[in-house]
PDB file of N, CA and C in Angstrom:
ATOM      1  N   MET A   1      39.162  42.700-123.000  1.00  0.00           N
ATOM      2  CA  MET A   1      39.522  43.690-122.013  1.00  0.00           C
ATOM      3  C   MET A   1      40.501  43.122-120.987  1.00  0.00           C
ATOM      4  N   GLU A   2      40.320  41.847-120.652  1.00  0.00           N
ATOM      5  CA  GLU A   2      41.218  41.206-119.690  1.00  0.00           C
ATOM      6  C   GLU A   2      42.655  41.205-120.202  1.00  0.00           C
ATOM      7  N   THR A   3      42.829  40.947-121.499  1.00  0.00           N
ATOM      8  CA  THR A   3      44.172  40.925-122.084  1.00  0.00           C
ATOM      9  C   THR A   3      44.827  42.286-121.959  1.00  0.00           C
ATOM     10  N   PHE A   4      44.075  43.347-122.255  1.00  0.00           N
ATOM     11  CA  PHE A   4      44.623  44.698-122.115  1.00  0.00           C
ATOM     12  C   PHE A   4      45.005  44.966-120.671  1.00  0.00           C
ATOM     13  N   SER A   5      44.181  44.562-119.743  1.00  0.00           N
ATOM     14  CA  SER A   5      44.450  44.788-118.330  1.00  0.00           C
ATOM     15  C   SER A   5      45.762  44.139-117.911  1.00  0.00           C
ATOM     16  N   VAL A   6      45.962  42.896-118.315  1.00  0.00           N
ATOM     17  CA  VAL A   6      47.182  42.174-117.948  1.00  0.00           C
ATOM     18  C   VAL A   6      48.399  42.780-118.631  1.00  0.00           C
ATOM     19  N   TRP A   7      48.317  42.977-119.939  1.00  0.00           N
ATOM     20  CA  TRP A   7      49.462  43.518-120.670  1.00  0.00           C
ATOM     21  C   TRP A   7      49.718  44.985-120.338  1.00  0.00           C
ATOM     22  N   GLY A   8      48.663  45.739-120.117  1.00  0.00           N
ATOM     23  CA  GLY A   8      48.832  47.143-119.736  1.00  0.00           C
ATOM     24  C   GLY A   8      49.530  47.284-118.402  1.00  0.00           C
ATOM     25  N   ALA A   9      49.131  46.469-117.432  1.00  0.00           N
ATOM     26  CA  ALA A   9      49.759  46.513-116.106  1.00  0.00           C
ATOM     27  C   ALA A   9      51.223  46.089-116.188  1.00  0.00           C
ATOM     28  N   ALA A  10      51.495  45.037-116.944  1.00  0.00           N
ATOM     29  CA  ALA A  10      52.879  44.566-117.084  1.00  0.00           C
ATOM     30  C   ALA A  10      53.743  45.614-117.782  1.00  0.00           C
ATOM     31  N   THR A  11      53.202  46.250-118.807  1.00  0.00           N
ATOM     32  CA  THR A  11      53.943  47.286-119.524  1.00  0.00           C
ATOM     33  C   THR A  11      54.229  48.472-118.610  1.00  0.00           C
ATOM     34  N   ALA A  12      53.249  48.885-117.834  1.00  0.00           N
ATOM     35  CA  ALA A  12      53.447  49.991-116.892  1.00  0.00           C
ATOM     36  C   ALA A  12      54.548  49.657-115.892  1.00  0.00           C
ATOM     37  N   ARG A  13      54.528  48.430-115.380  1.00  0.00           N
ATOM     38  CA  ARG A  13      55.568  48.005-114.425  1.00  0.00           C
ATOM     39  C   ARG A  13      56.959  48.102-115.045  1.00  0.00           C
ATOM     40  N   VAL A  14      57.087  47.617-116.267  1.00  0.00           N
ATOM     41  CA  VAL A  14      58.394  47.605-116.920  1.00  0.00           C
ATOM     42  C   VAL A  14      58.876  49.023-117.214  1.00  0.00           C
ATOM     43  N   VAL A  15      57.988  49.876-117.695  1.00  0.00           N
ATOM     44  CA  VAL A  15      58.378  51.252-118.021  1.00  0.00           C
ATOM     45  C   VAL A  15      58.814  52.004-116.764  1.00  0.00           C
ATOM     46  N   VAL A  16      58.054  51.889-115.697  1.00  0.00           N
ATOM     47  CA  VAL A  16      58.427  52.561-114.445  1.00  0.00           C
ATOM     48  C   VAL A  16      59.716  51.962-113.893  1.00  0.00           C
ATOM     49  N   ALA A  17      59.845  50.639-113.960  1.00  0.00           N
ATOM     50  CA  ALA A  17      61.066  49.980-113.485  1.00  0.00           C
ATOM     51  C   ALA A  17      62.285  50.470-114.254  1.00  0.00           C
ATOM     52  N   LEU A  18      62.149  50.598-115.567  1.00  0.00           N
ATOM     53  CA  LEU A  18      63.274  51.078-116.379  1.00  0.00           C
ATOM     54  C   LEU A  18      63.682  52.493-115.984  1.00  0.00           C
ATOM     55  N   PHE A  19      62.711  53.323-115.641  1.00  0.00           N
ATOM     56  CA  PHE A  19      63.039  54.667-115.153  1.00  0.00           C
ATOM     57  C   PHE A  19      63.965  54.575-113.939  1.00  0.00           C
ATOM     58  N   TYR A  20      63.602  53.729-112.970  1.00  0.00           N
ATOM     59  CA  TYR A  20      64.413  53.603-111.761  1.00  0.00           C
ATOM     60  C   TYR A  20      65.761  52.966-112.039  1.00  0.00           C
ATOM     61  N   LEU A  21      65.809  51.955-112.882  1.00  0.00           N
ATOM     62  CA  LEU A  21      67.076  51.290-113.188  1.00  0.00           C
ATOM     63  C   LEU A  21      68.032  52.213-113.938  1.00  0.00           C
ATOM     64  N   VAL A  22      67.531  52.909-114.942  1.00  0.00           N
ATOM     65  CA  VAL A  22      68.378  53.828-115.712  1.00  0.00           C
ATOM     66  C   VAL A  22      68.850  54.981-114.822  1.00  0.00           C
ATOM     67  N   THR A  23      67.951  55.498-113.996  1.00  0.00           N
ATOM     68  CA  THR A  23      68.336  56.582-113.097  1.00  0.00           C
ATOM     69  C   THR A  23      69.381  56.108-112.095  1.00  0.00           C
ATOM     70  N   ALA A  24      69.213  54.904-111.558  1.00  0.00           N
ATOM     71  CA  ALA A  24      70.195  54.359-110.609  1.00  0.00           C
ATOM     72  C   ALA A  24      71.567  54.240-111.265  1.00  0.00           C
ATOM     73  N   LEU A  25      71.604  53.790-112.511  1.00  0.00           N
ATOM     74  CA  LEU A  25      72.885  53.686-113.219  1.00  0.00           C
ATOM     75  C   LEU A  25      73.523  55.066-113.394  1.00  0.00           C
ATOM     76  N   GLY A  26      72.704  56.055-113.727  1.00  0.00           N
ATOM     77  CA  GLY A  26      73.217  57.420-113.860  1.00  0.00           C
ATOM     78  C   GLY A  26      73.745  57.969-112.544  1.00  0.00           C
ATOM     79  N   LEU A  27      73.034  57.684-111.454  1.00  0.00           N
ATOM     80  CA  LEU A  27      73.495  58.137-110.141  1.00  0.00           C
ATOM     81  C   LEU A  27      74.822  57.486-109.779  1.00  0.00           C
ATOM     82  N   ALA A  28      74.954  56.200-110.076  1.00  0.00           N
ATOM     83  CA  ALA A  28      76.198  55.495-109.786  1.00  0.00           C
ATOM     84  C   ALA A  28      77.344  56.043-110.642  1.00  0.00           C
ATOM     85  N   LYS A  29      77.063  56.294-111.909  1.00  0.00           N
ATOM     86  CA  LYS A  29      78.075  56.825-112.828  1.00  0.00           C
ATOM     87  C   LYS A  29      78.562  58.197-112.381  1.00  0.00           C
ATOM     88  N   ASP A  30      77.642  59.040-111.926  1.00  0.00           N
ATOM     89  CA  ASP A  30      77.966  60.410-111.520  1.00  0.00           C
ATOM     90  C   ASP A  30      77.981  60.552-109.991  1.00  0.00           C
ATOM     91  N   PHE A  31      78.425  59.508-109.310  1.00  0.00           N
ATOM     92  CA  PHE A  31      78.334  59.431-107.848  1.00  0.00           C
ATOM     93  C   PHE A  31      78.894  60.674-107.156  1.00  0.00           C
ATOM     94  N   LYS A  32      80.099  61.065-107.516  1.00  0.00           N
ATOM     95  CA  LYS A  32      80.747  62.209-106.845  1.00  0.00           C
ATOM     96  C   LYS A  32      79.957  63.505-107.059  1.00  0.00           C
ATOM     97  N   MET A  33      79.510  63.730-108.287  1.00  0.00           N
ATOM     98  CA  MET A  33      78.744  64.937-108.587  1.00  0.00           C
ATOM     99  C   MET A  33      77.412  64.943-107.829  1.00  0.00           C
ATOM    100  N   VAL A  34      76.746  63.786-107.788  1.00  0.00           N
ATOM    101  CA  VAL A  34      75.446  63.696-107.115  1.00  0.00           C
ATOM    102  C   VAL A  34      75.598  63.890-105.612  1.00  0.00           C
ATOM    103  N   THR A  35      76.628  63.296-105.011  1.00  0.00           N
ATOM    104  CA  THR A  35      76.820  63.492-103.567  1.00  0.00           C
ATOM    105  C   THR A  35      77.122  64.961-103.268  1.00  0.00           C
ATOM    106  N   GLY A  36      77.827  65.633-104.171  1.00  0.00           N
ATOM    107  CA  GLY A  36      78.067  67.071-104.001  1.00  0.00           C
ATOM    108  C   GLY A  36      76.775  67.861-104.045  1.00  0.00           C
ATOM    109  N   LEU A  37      75.889  67.512-104.977  1.00  0.00           N
ATOM    110  CA  LEU A  37      74.579  68.164-105.072  1.00  0.00           C
ATOM    111  C   LEU A  37      73.772  67.914-103.798  1.00  0.00           C
ATOM    112  N   MET A  38      73.792  66.657-103.342  1.00  0.00           N
ATOM    113  CA  MET A  38      73.048  66.314-102.124  1.00  0.00           C
ATOM    114  C   MET A  38      73.573  67.112-100.931  1.00  0.00           C
ATOM    115  N   ALA A  39      74.890  67.207-100.806  1.00  0.00           N
ATOM    116  CA  ALA A  39      75.489  67.972 -99.705  1.00  0.00           C
ATOM    117  C   ALA A  39      75.087  69.438 -99.801  1.00  0.00           C
ATOM    118  N   ALA A  40      75.086  69.986-101.016  1.00  0.00           N
ATOM    119  CA  ALA A  40      74.692  71.386-101.213  1.00  0.00           C
ATOM    120  C   ALA A  40      73.236  71.616-100.840  1.00  0.00           C
ATOM    121  N   LYS A  41      72.404  70.580-100.967  1.00  0.00           N
ATOM    122  CA  LYS A  41      70.982  70.685-100.602  1.00  0.00           C
ATOM    123  C   LYS A  41      70.765  70.423 -99.113  1.00  0.00           C
ATOM    124  N   GLY A  42      71.844  70.143 -98.376  1.00  0.00           N
ATOM    125  CA  GLY A  42      71.738  69.943 -96.936  1.00  0.00           C
ATOM    126  C   GLY A  42      71.441  68.514 -96.518  1.00  0.00           C
ATOM    127  N   VAL A  43      71.611  67.560 -97.416  1.00  0.00           N
ATOM    128  CA  VAL A  43      71.359  66.158 -97.083  1.00  0.00           C
ATOM    129  C   VAL A  43      72.539  65.651 -96.255  1.00  0.00           C
ATOM    130  N   PRO A  44      72.273  65.119 -95.062  1.00  0.00           N
ATOM    131  CA  PRO A  44      73.373  64.591 -94.249  1.00  0.00           C
ATOM    132  C   PRO A  44      73.888  63.270 -94.823  1.00  0.00           C
ATOM    133  N   VAL A  45      75.130  62.967 -94.608  1.00  0.00           N
ATOM    134  CA  VAL A  45      75.810  61.750 -95.092  1.00  0.00           C
ATOM    135  C   VAL A  45      75.365  61.354 -96.500  1.00  0.00           C
ATOM    136  N   PRO A  46      75.632  62.217 -97.471  1.00  0.00           N
ATOM    137  CA  PRO A  46      75.130  61.963 -98.816  1.00  0.00           C
ATOM    138  C   PRO A  46      75.656  60.675 -99.450  1.00  0.00           C
ATOM    139  N   GLY A  47      76.908  60.321 -99.219  1.00  0.00           N
ATOM    140  CA  GLY A  47      77.461  59.110 -99.825  1.00  0.00           C
ATOM    141  C   GLY A  47      76.693  57.855 -99.439  1.00  0.00           C
ATOM    142  N   PRO A  48      76.581  57.559 -98.134  1.00  0.00           N
ATOM    143  CA  PRO A  48      75.827  56.367 -97.737  1.00  0.00           C
ATOM    144  C   PRO A  48      74.354  56.419 -98.155  1.00  0.00           C
ATOM    145  N   LEU A  49      73.729  57.581 -98.085  1.00  0.00           N
ATOM    146  CA  LEU A  49      72.327  57.673 -98.487  1.00  0.00           C
ATOM    147  C   LEU A  49      72.159  57.455 -99.988  1.00  0.00           C
ATOM    148  N   LEU A  50      73.129  57.917-100.772  1.00  0.00           N
ATOM    149  CA  LEU A  50      73.046  57.685-102.214  1.00  0.00           C
ATOM    150  C   LEU A  50      73.233  56.198-102.530  1.00  0.00           C
ATOM    151  N   ILE A  51      74.118  55.540-101.819  1.00  0.00           N
ATOM    152  CA  ILE A  51      74.316  54.101-102.021  1.00  0.00           C
ATOM    153  C   ILE A  51      73.014  53.353-101.714  1.00  0.00           C
ATOM    154  N   VAL A  52      72.378  53.697-100.599  1.00  0.00           N
ATOM    155  CA  VAL A  52      71.103  53.051-100.241  1.00  0.00           C
ATOM    156  C   VAL A  52      70.059  53.317-101.318  1.00  0.00           C
ATOM    157  N   THR A  53      69.986  54.549-101.783  1.00  0.00           N
ATOM    158  CA  THR A  53      69.017  54.905-102.826  1.00  0.00           C
ATOM    159  C   THR A  53      69.246  54.091-104.085  1.00  0.00           C
ATOM    160  N   ILE A  54      70.485  54.000-104.520  1.00  0.00           N
ATOM    161  CA  ILE A  54      70.805  53.231-105.732  1.00  0.00           C
ATOM    162  C   ILE A  54      70.405  51.773-105.551  1.00  0.00           C
ATOM    163  N   LEU A  55      70.747  51.188-104.406  1.00  0.00           N
ATOM    164  CA  LEU A  55      70.418  49.776-104.158  1.00  0.00           C
ATOM    165  C   LEU A  55      68.908  49.546-104.129  1.00  0.00           C
ATOM    166  N   VAL A  56      68.175  50.455-103.476  1.00  0.00           N
ATOM    167  CA  VAL A  56      66.715  50.313-103.406  1.00  0.00           C
ATOM    168  C   VAL A  56      66.101  50.464-104.792  1.00  0.00           C
ATOM    169  N   TRP A  57      66.592  51.423-105.571  1.00  0.00           N
ATOM    170  CA  TRP A  57      66.042  51.624-106.909  1.00  0.00           C
ATOM    171  C   TRP A  57      66.325  50.434-107.814  1.00  0.00           C
ATOM    172  N   VAL A  58      67.506  49.835-107.701  1.00  0.00           N
ATOM    173  CA  VAL A  58      67.818  48.660-108.517  1.00  0.00           C
ATOM    174  C   VAL A  58      66.971  47.468-108.069  1.00  0.00           C
ATOM    175  N   ALA A  59      66.892  47.240-106.757  1.00  0.00           N
ATOM    176  CA  ALA A  59      66.102  46.111-106.243  1.00  0.00           C
ATOM    177  C   ALA A  59      64.619  46.294-106.568  1.00  0.00           C
ATOM    178  N   GLY A  60      64.107  47.489-106.347  1.00  0.00           N
ATOM    179  CA  GLY A  60      62.695  47.755-106.631  1.00  0.00           C
ATOM    180  C   GLY A  60      62.385  47.657-108.105  1.00  0.00           C
ATOM    181  N   GLY A  61      63.237  48.230-108.940  1.00  0.00           N
ATOM    182  CA  GLY A  61      63.040  48.143-110.382  1.00  0.00           C
ATOM    183  C   GLY A  61      63.113  46.702-110.862  1.00  0.00           C
ATOM    184  N   GLY A  62      64.073  45.954-110.332  1.00  0.00           N
ATOM    185  CA  GLY A  62      64.181  44.546-110.698  1.00  0.00           C
ATOM    186  C   GLY A  62      62.952  43.755-110.297  1.00  0.00           C
ATOM    187  N   ALA A  63      62.438  44.016-109.094  1.00  0.00           N
ATOM    188  CA  ALA A  63      61.232  43.317-108.627  1.00  0.00           C
ATOM    189  C   ALA A  63      60.043  43.624-109.531  1.00  0.00           C
ATOM    190  N   LEU A  64      59.901  44.880-109.951  1.00  0.00           N
ATOM    191  CA  LEU A  64      58.789  45.243-110.833  1.00  0.00           C
ATOM    192  C   LEU A  64      58.911  44.545-112.184  1.00  0.00           C
ATOM    193  N   ILE A  65      60.121  44.490-112.727  1.00  0.00           N
ATOM    194  CA  ILE A  65      60.304  43.825-114.019  1.00  0.00           C
ATOM    195  C   ILE A  65      60.022  42.332-113.904  1.00  0.00           C
ATOM    196  N   LEU A  66      60.517  41.714-112.829  1.00  0.00           N
ATOM    197  CA  LEU A  66      60.334  40.270-112.655  1.00  0.00           C
ATOM    198  C   LEU A  66      58.922  39.902-112.210  1.00  0.00           C
ATOM    199  N   GLY A  67      58.156  40.906-111.754  1.00  0.00           N
ATOM    200  CA  GLY A  67      56.793  40.632-111.291  1.00  0.00           C
ATOM    201  C   GLY A  67      56.760  39.931-109.949  1.00  0.00           C
ATOM    202  N   ARG A  68      57.788  40.128-109.135  1.00  0.00           N
ATOM    203  CA  ARG A  68      57.879  39.508-107.813  1.00  0.00           C
ATOM    204  C   ARG A  68      57.821  40.592-106.747  1.00  0.00           C
ATOM    205  N   GLY A  69      56.949  40.431-105.778  1.00  0.00           N
ATOM    206  CA  GLY A  69      56.841  41.432-104.715  1.00  0.00           C
ATOM    207  C   GLY A  69      56.470  42.799-105.253  1.00  0.00           C
ATOM    208  N   ILE A  70      55.530  42.806-106.168  1.00  0.00           N
ATOM    209  CA  ILE A  70      55.168  44.049-106.861  1.00  0.00           C
ATOM    210  C   ILE A  70      54.677  45.121-105.885  1.00  0.00           C
ATOM    211  N   VAL A  71      53.762  44.755-105.005  1.00  0.00           N
ATOM    212  CA  VAL A  71      53.179  45.758-104.099  1.00  0.00           C
ATOM    213  C   VAL A  71      54.238  46.333-103.174  1.00  0.00           C
ATOM    214  N   PRO A  72      55.010  45.509-102.447  1.00  0.00           N
ATOM    215  CA  PRO A  72      56.025  46.115-101.580  1.00  0.00           C
ATOM    216  C   PRO A  72      57.070  46.911-102.364  1.00  0.00           C
ATOM    217  N   ALA A  73      57.479  46.404-103.521  1.00  0.00           N
ATOM    218  CA  ALA A  73      58.478  47.128-104.323  1.00  0.00           C
ATOM    219  C   ALA A  73      57.944  48.494-104.741  1.00  0.00           C
ATOM    220  N   ALA A  74      56.719  48.522-105.256  1.00  0.00           N
ATOM    221  CA  ALA A  74      56.139  49.795-105.705  1.00  0.00           C
ATOM    222  C   ALA A  74      55.978  50.766-104.539  1.00  0.00           C
ATOM    223  N   LEU A  75      55.548  50.259-103.389  1.00  0.00           N
ATOM    224  CA  LEU A  75      55.338  51.146-102.241  1.00  0.00           C
ATOM    225  C   LEU A  75      56.651  51.654-101.660  1.00  0.00           C
ATOM    226  N   VAL A  76      57.692  50.824-101.635  1.00  0.00           N
ATOM    227  CA  VAL A  76      59.004  51.288-101.156  1.00  0.00           C
ATOM    228  C   VAL A  76      59.559  52.350-102.103  1.00  0.00           C
ATOM    229  N   LEU A  77      59.462  52.103-103.406  1.00  0.00           N
ATOM    230  CA  LEU A  77      59.908  53.112-104.370  1.00  0.00           C
ATOM    231  C   LEU A  77      59.116  54.404-104.218  1.00  0.00           C
ATOM    232  N   LEU A  78      57.815  54.286-103.996  1.00  0.00           N
ATOM    233  CA  LEU A  78      56.959  55.465-103.816  1.00  0.00           C
ATOM    234  C   LEU A  78      57.399  56.261-102.583  1.00  0.00           C
ATOM    235  N   VAL A  79      57.599  55.579-101.462  1.00  0.00           N
ATOM    236  CA  VAL A  79      57.981  56.277-100.220  1.00  0.00           C
ATOM    237  C   VAL A  79      59.345  56.935-100.375  1.00  0.00           C
ATOM    238  N   LEU A  80      60.311  56.213-100.939  1.00  0.00           N
ATOM    239  CA  LEU A  80      61.635  56.806-101.112  1.00  0.00           C
ATOM    240  C   LEU A  80      61.576  58.014-102.049  1.00  0.00           C
ATOM    241  N   THR A  81      60.815  57.910-103.117  1.00  0.00           N
ATOM    242  CA  THR A  81      60.667  59.036-104.043  1.00  0.00           C
ATOM    243  C   THR A  81      59.978  60.213-103.355  1.00  0.00           C
ATOM    244  N   ALA A  82      58.994  59.915-102.512  1.00  0.00           N
ATOM    245  CA  ALA A  82      58.286  60.975-101.782  1.00  0.00           C
ATOM    246  C   ALA A  82      59.212  61.687-100.798  1.00  0.00           C
ATOM    247  N   ILE A  83      60.160  60.970-100.236  1.00  0.00           N
ATOM    248  CA  ILE A  83      61.121  61.587 -99.306  1.00  0.00           C
ATOM    249  C   ILE A  83      62.142  62.421-100.075  1.00  0.00           C
ATOM    250  N   ILE A  84      62.646  61.868-101.159  1.00  0.00           N
ATOM    251  CA  ILE A  84      63.710  62.520-101.924  1.00  0.00           C
ATOM    252  C   ILE A  84      63.216  63.770-102.650  1.00  0.00           C
ATOM    253  N   THR A  85      62.022  63.715-103.198  1.00  0.00           N
ATOM    254  CA  THR A  85      61.541  64.793-104.074  1.00  0.00           C
ATOM    255  C   THR A  85      61.589  66.174-103.424  1.00  0.00           C
ATOM    256  N   PRO A  86      61.007  66.388-102.247  1.00  0.00           N
ATOM    257  CA  PRO A  86      61.074  67.746-101.690  1.00  0.00           C
ATOM    258  C   PRO A  86      62.471  68.133-101.189  1.00  0.00           C
ATOM    259  N   LEU A  87      63.306  67.154-100.900  1.00  0.00           N
ATOM    260  CA  LEU A  87      64.668  67.468-100.446  1.00  0.00           C
ATOM    261  C   LEU A  87      65.564  67.920-101.595  1.00  0.00           C
ATOM    262  N   ILE A  88      65.449  67.253-102.725  1.00  0.00           N
ATOM    263  CA  ILE A  88      66.347  67.532-103.846  1.00  0.00           C
ATOM    264  C   ILE A  88      65.738  68.510-104.848  1.00  0.00           C
ATOM    265  N   HIS A  89      64.451  68.434-105.060  1.00  0.00           N
ATOM    266  CA  HIS A  89      63.797  69.289-106.061  1.00  0.00           C
ATOM    267  C   HIS A  89      62.935  70.355-105.389  1.00  0.00           C
ATOM    268  N   ASN A  90      63.486  71.009-104.393  1.00  0.00           N
ATOM    269  CA  ASN A  90      62.774  72.043-103.627  1.00  0.00           C
ATOM    270  C   ASN A  90      62.759  73.358-104.409  1.00  0.00           C
ATOM    271  N   PHE A  91      61.883  73.390-105.396  1.00  0.00           N
ATOM    272  CA  PHE A  91      61.794  74.530-106.310  1.00  0.00           C
ATOM    273  C   PHE A  91      61.503  75.839-105.594  1.00  0.00           C
ATOM    274  N   TRP A  92      60.816  75.786-104.459  1.00  0.00           N
ATOM    275  CA  TRP A  92      60.462  76.998-103.717  1.00  0.00           C
ATOM    276  C   TRP A  92      61.698  77.701-103.157  1.00  0.00           C
ATOM    277  N   ALA A  93      62.818  76.974-103.035  1.00  0.00           N
ATOM    278  CA  ALA A  93      64.044  77.571-102.510  1.00  0.00           C
ATOM    279  C   ALA A  93      65.108  77.718-103.596  1.00  0.00           C
ATOM    280  N   ALA A  94      64.792  77.341-104.824  1.00  0.00           N
ATOM    281  CA  ALA A  94      65.772  77.364-105.913  1.00  0.00           C
ATOM    282  C   ALA A  94      65.957  78.785-106.437  1.00  0.00           C
ATOM    283  N   PRO A  95      67.173  79.075-106.895  1.00  0.00           N
ATOM    284  CA  PRO A  95      67.384  80.363-107.569  1.00  0.00           C
ATOM    285  C   PRO A  95      66.479  80.462-108.807  1.00  0.00           C
ATOM    286  N   ALA A  96      66.157  81.657-109.186  1.00  0.00           N
ATOM    287  CA  ALA A  96      65.206  81.890-110.281  1.00  0.00           C
ATOM    288  C   ALA A  96      65.583  81.129-111.551  1.00  0.00           C
ATOM    289  N   GLN A  97      66.879  81.081-111.887  1.00  0.00           N
ATOM    290  CA  GLN A  97      67.300  80.422-113.126  1.00  0.00           C
ATOM    291  C   GLN A  97      67.173  78.899-113.058  1.00  0.00           C
ATOM    292  N   GLU A  98      67.018  78.335-111.862  1.00  0.00           N
ATOM    293  CA  GLU A  98      66.876  76.878-111.704  1.00  0.00           C
ATOM    294  C   GLU A  98      65.443  76.455-111.369  1.00  0.00           C
ATOM    295  N   ARG A  99      64.595  77.416-111.058  1.00  0.00           N
ATOM    296  CA  ARG A  99      63.254  77.106-110.558  1.00  0.00           C
ATOM    297  C   ARG A  99      62.415  76.280-111.522  1.00  0.00           C
ATOM    298  N   ALA A 100      62.376  76.650-112.788  1.00  0.00           N
ATOM    299  CA  ALA A 100      61.543  75.925-113.757  1.00  0.00           C
ATOM    300  C   ALA A 100      62.004  74.464-113.879  1.00  0.00           C
ATOM    301  N   ASN A 101      63.301  74.237-113.886  1.00  0.00           N
ATOM    302  CA  ASN A 101      63.831  72.881-113.970  1.00  0.00           C
ATOM    303  C   ASN A 101      63.427  72.068-112.735  1.00  0.00           C
ATOM    304  N   GLU A 102      63.518  72.665-111.560  1.00  0.00           N
ATOM    305  CA  GLU A 102      63.156  71.957-110.324  1.00  0.00           C
ATOM    306  C   GLU A 102      61.648  71.677-110.266  1.00  0.00           C
ATOM    307  N   VAL A 103      60.841  72.622-110.737  1.00  0.00           N
ATOM    308  CA  VAL A 103      59.387  72.400-110.788  1.00  0.00           C
ATOM    309  C   VAL A 103      59.080  71.216-111.700  1.00  0.00           C
ATOM    310  N   GLN A 104      59.760  71.154-112.844  1.00  0.00           N
ATOM    311  CA  GLN A 104      59.534  70.057-113.785  1.00  0.00           C
ATOM    312  C   GLN A 104      59.907  68.716-113.151  1.00  0.00           C
ATOM    313  N   HIS A 105      61.056  68.637-112.502  1.00  0.00           N
ATOM    314  CA  HIS A 105      61.463  67.388-111.839  1.00  0.00           C
ATOM    315  C   HIS A 105      60.489  67.021-110.720  1.00  0.00           C
ATOM    316  N   PHE A 106      60.069  68.008-109.959  1.00  0.00           N
ATOM    317  CA  PHE A 106      59.119  67.776-108.868  1.00  0.00           C
ATOM    318  C   PHE A 106      57.813  67.204-109.418  1.00  0.00           C
ATOM    319  N   ALA A 107      57.288  67.837-110.463  1.00  0.00           N
ATOM    320  CA  ALA A 107      56.032  67.384-111.066  1.00  0.00           C
ATOM    321  C   ALA A 107      56.184  65.994-111.689  1.00  0.00           C
ATOM    322  N   ASN A 108      57.310  65.736-112.354  1.00  0.00           N
ATOM    323  CA  ASN A 108      57.549  64.405-112.921  1.00  0.00           C
ATOM    324  C   ASN A 108      57.536  63.344-111.824  1.00  0.00           C
ATOM    325  N   ASN A 109      58.168  63.644-110.705  1.00  0.00           N
ATOM    326  CA  ASN A 109      58.208  62.675-109.615  1.00  0.00           C
ATOM    327  C   ASN A 109      56.819  62.433-109.027  1.00  0.00           C
ATOM    328  N   ILE A 110      55.986  63.454-108.982  1.00  0.00           N
ATOM    329  CA  ILE A 110      54.608  63.274-108.519  1.00  0.00           C
ATOM    330  C   ILE A 110      53.882  62.306-109.462  1.00  0.00           C
ATOM    331  N   ALA A 111      54.069  62.481-110.761  1.00  0.00           N
ATOM    332  CA  ALA A 111      53.438  61.584-111.737  1.00  0.00           C
ATOM    333  C   ALA A 111      53.966  60.158-111.600  1.00  0.00           C
ATOM    334  N   ILE A 112      55.257  60.010-111.380  1.00  0.00           N
ATOM    335  CA  ILE A 112      55.843  58.682-111.201  1.00  0.00           C
ATOM    336  C   ILE A 112      55.281  58.033-109.934  1.00  0.00           C
ATOM    337  N   MET A 113      55.133  58.809-108.878  1.00  0.00           N
ATOM    338  CA  MET A 113      54.549  58.260-107.644  1.00  0.00           C
ATOM    339  C   MET A 113      53.109  57.812-107.873  1.00  0.00           C
ATOM    340  N   ALA A 114      52.360  58.559-108.674  1.00  0.00           N
ATOM    341  CA  ALA A 114      50.987  58.142-109.009  1.00  0.00           C
ATOM    342  C   ALA A 114      51.018  56.825-109.775  1.00  0.00           C
ATOM    343  N   GLY A 115      51.959  56.685-110.685  1.00  0.00           N
ATOM    344  CA  GLY A 115      52.107  55.434-111.419  1.00  0.00           C
ATOM    345  C   GLY A 115      52.443  54.273-110.495  1.00  0.00           C
ATOM    346  N   LEU A 116      53.333  54.503-109.543  1.00  0.00           N
ATOM    347  CA  LEU A 116      53.677  53.452-108.573  1.00  0.00           C
ATOM    348  C   LEU A 116      52.462  53.052-107.743  1.00  0.00           C
ATOM    349  N   LEU A 117      51.665  54.037-107.350  1.00  0.00           N
ATOM    350  CA  LEU A 117      50.458  53.743-106.583  1.00  0.00           C
ATOM    351  C   LEU A 117      49.478  52.922-107.422  1.00  0.00           C
ATOM    352  N   ALA A 118      49.331  53.270-108.691  1.00  0.00           N
ATOM    353  CA  ALA A 118      48.441  52.513-109.581  1.00  0.00           C
ATOM    354  C   ALA A 118      48.957  51.091-109.790  1.00  0.00           C
ATOM    355  N   ILE A 119      50.270  50.940-109.914  1.00  0.00           N
ATOM    356  CA  ILE A 119      50.856  49.603-110.072  1.00  0.00           C
ATOM    357  C   ILE A 119      50.584  48.769-108.832  1.00  0.00           C
ATOM    358  N   ALA A 120      50.794  49.343-107.655  1.00  0.00           N
ATOM    359  CA  ALA A 120      50.540  48.613-106.400  1.00  0.00           C
ATOM    360  C   ALA A 120      49.053  48.240-106.284  1.00  0.00           C
ATOM    361  N   ALA A 121      48.179  49.179-106.630  1.00  0.00           N
ATOM    362  CA  ALA A 121      46.739  48.918-106.541  1.00  0.00           C
ATOM    363  C   ALA A 121      46.326  47.810-107.505  1.00  0.00           C
ATOM    364  N   ALA A 122      46.830  47.850-108.728  1.00  0.00           N
ATOM    365  CA  ALA A 122      46.494  46.825-109.714  1.00  0.00           C
ATOM    366  C   ALA A 122      47.006  45.459-109.287  1.00  0.00           C
ATOM    367  N   ALA A 123      48.206  45.429-108.746  1.00  0.00           N
ATOM    368  CA  ALA A 123      48.785  44.148-108.322  1.00  0.00           C
ATOM    369  C   ALA A 123      48.087  43.575-107.101  1.00  0.00           C
ATOM    370  N   SER A 124      47.582  44.432-106.235  1.00  0.00           N
ATOM    371  CA  SER A 124      46.895  43.924-105.055  1.00  0.00           C
ATOM    372  C   SER A 124      45.468  43.458-105.387  1.00  0.00           C
ATOM    373  N   ALA A 125      44.928  43.965-106.511  1.00  0.00           N
ATOM    374  CA  ALA A 125      43.592  43.549-106.932  1.00  0.00           C
ATOM    375  C   ALA A 125      43.591  42.133-107.473  1.00  0.00           C
ATOM    376  N   ARG A 126      44.667  41.776-108.156  1.00  0.00           N
ATOM    377  CA  ARG A 126      44.819  40.402-108.683  1.00  0.00           C
ATOM    378  C   ARG A 126      46.295  40.193-108.986  1.00  0.00           C
ATOM    379  N   PRO A 127      46.784  38.992-108.782  1.00  0.00           N
ATOM    380  CA  PRO A 127      48.195  38.729-109.065  1.00  0.00           C
ATOM    381  C   PRO A 127      48.512  38.877-110.548  1.00  0.00           C
ATOM    382  N   LEU A 128      49.650  39.469-110.845  1.00  0.00           N
ATOM    383  CA  LEU A 128      50.054  39.651-112.249  1.00  0.00           C
ATOM    384  C   LEU A 128      51.211  38.733-112.582  1.00  0.00           C
TER     385      LEU A 128
END
């Protein structure tokens, strides 16, 4: 059981980290389009905030993969995701044709935040 616990926790860290790293690369690739979306959603200074988001997601994802600073990395990613989710995926204000897509993204982010919380809890229980 101990082996599963160690390998399961490490696998969860890597999978969640890859989500953030791949997403950060996509945001960087589509920077202009994403900043336009952010501006349309009412986010102030979208360019600088997107740069900060990309840097935090890369640093946090890297920390999770390397197994260094797992708890702070997971909690920072969780907080940033919690801030971004209702701002960008505000399904309650979305047009009818976009609502289902926004609900799906919102729900996915809730699940990812739960995973980050579990990763932080597991890492604080014993070093990985």
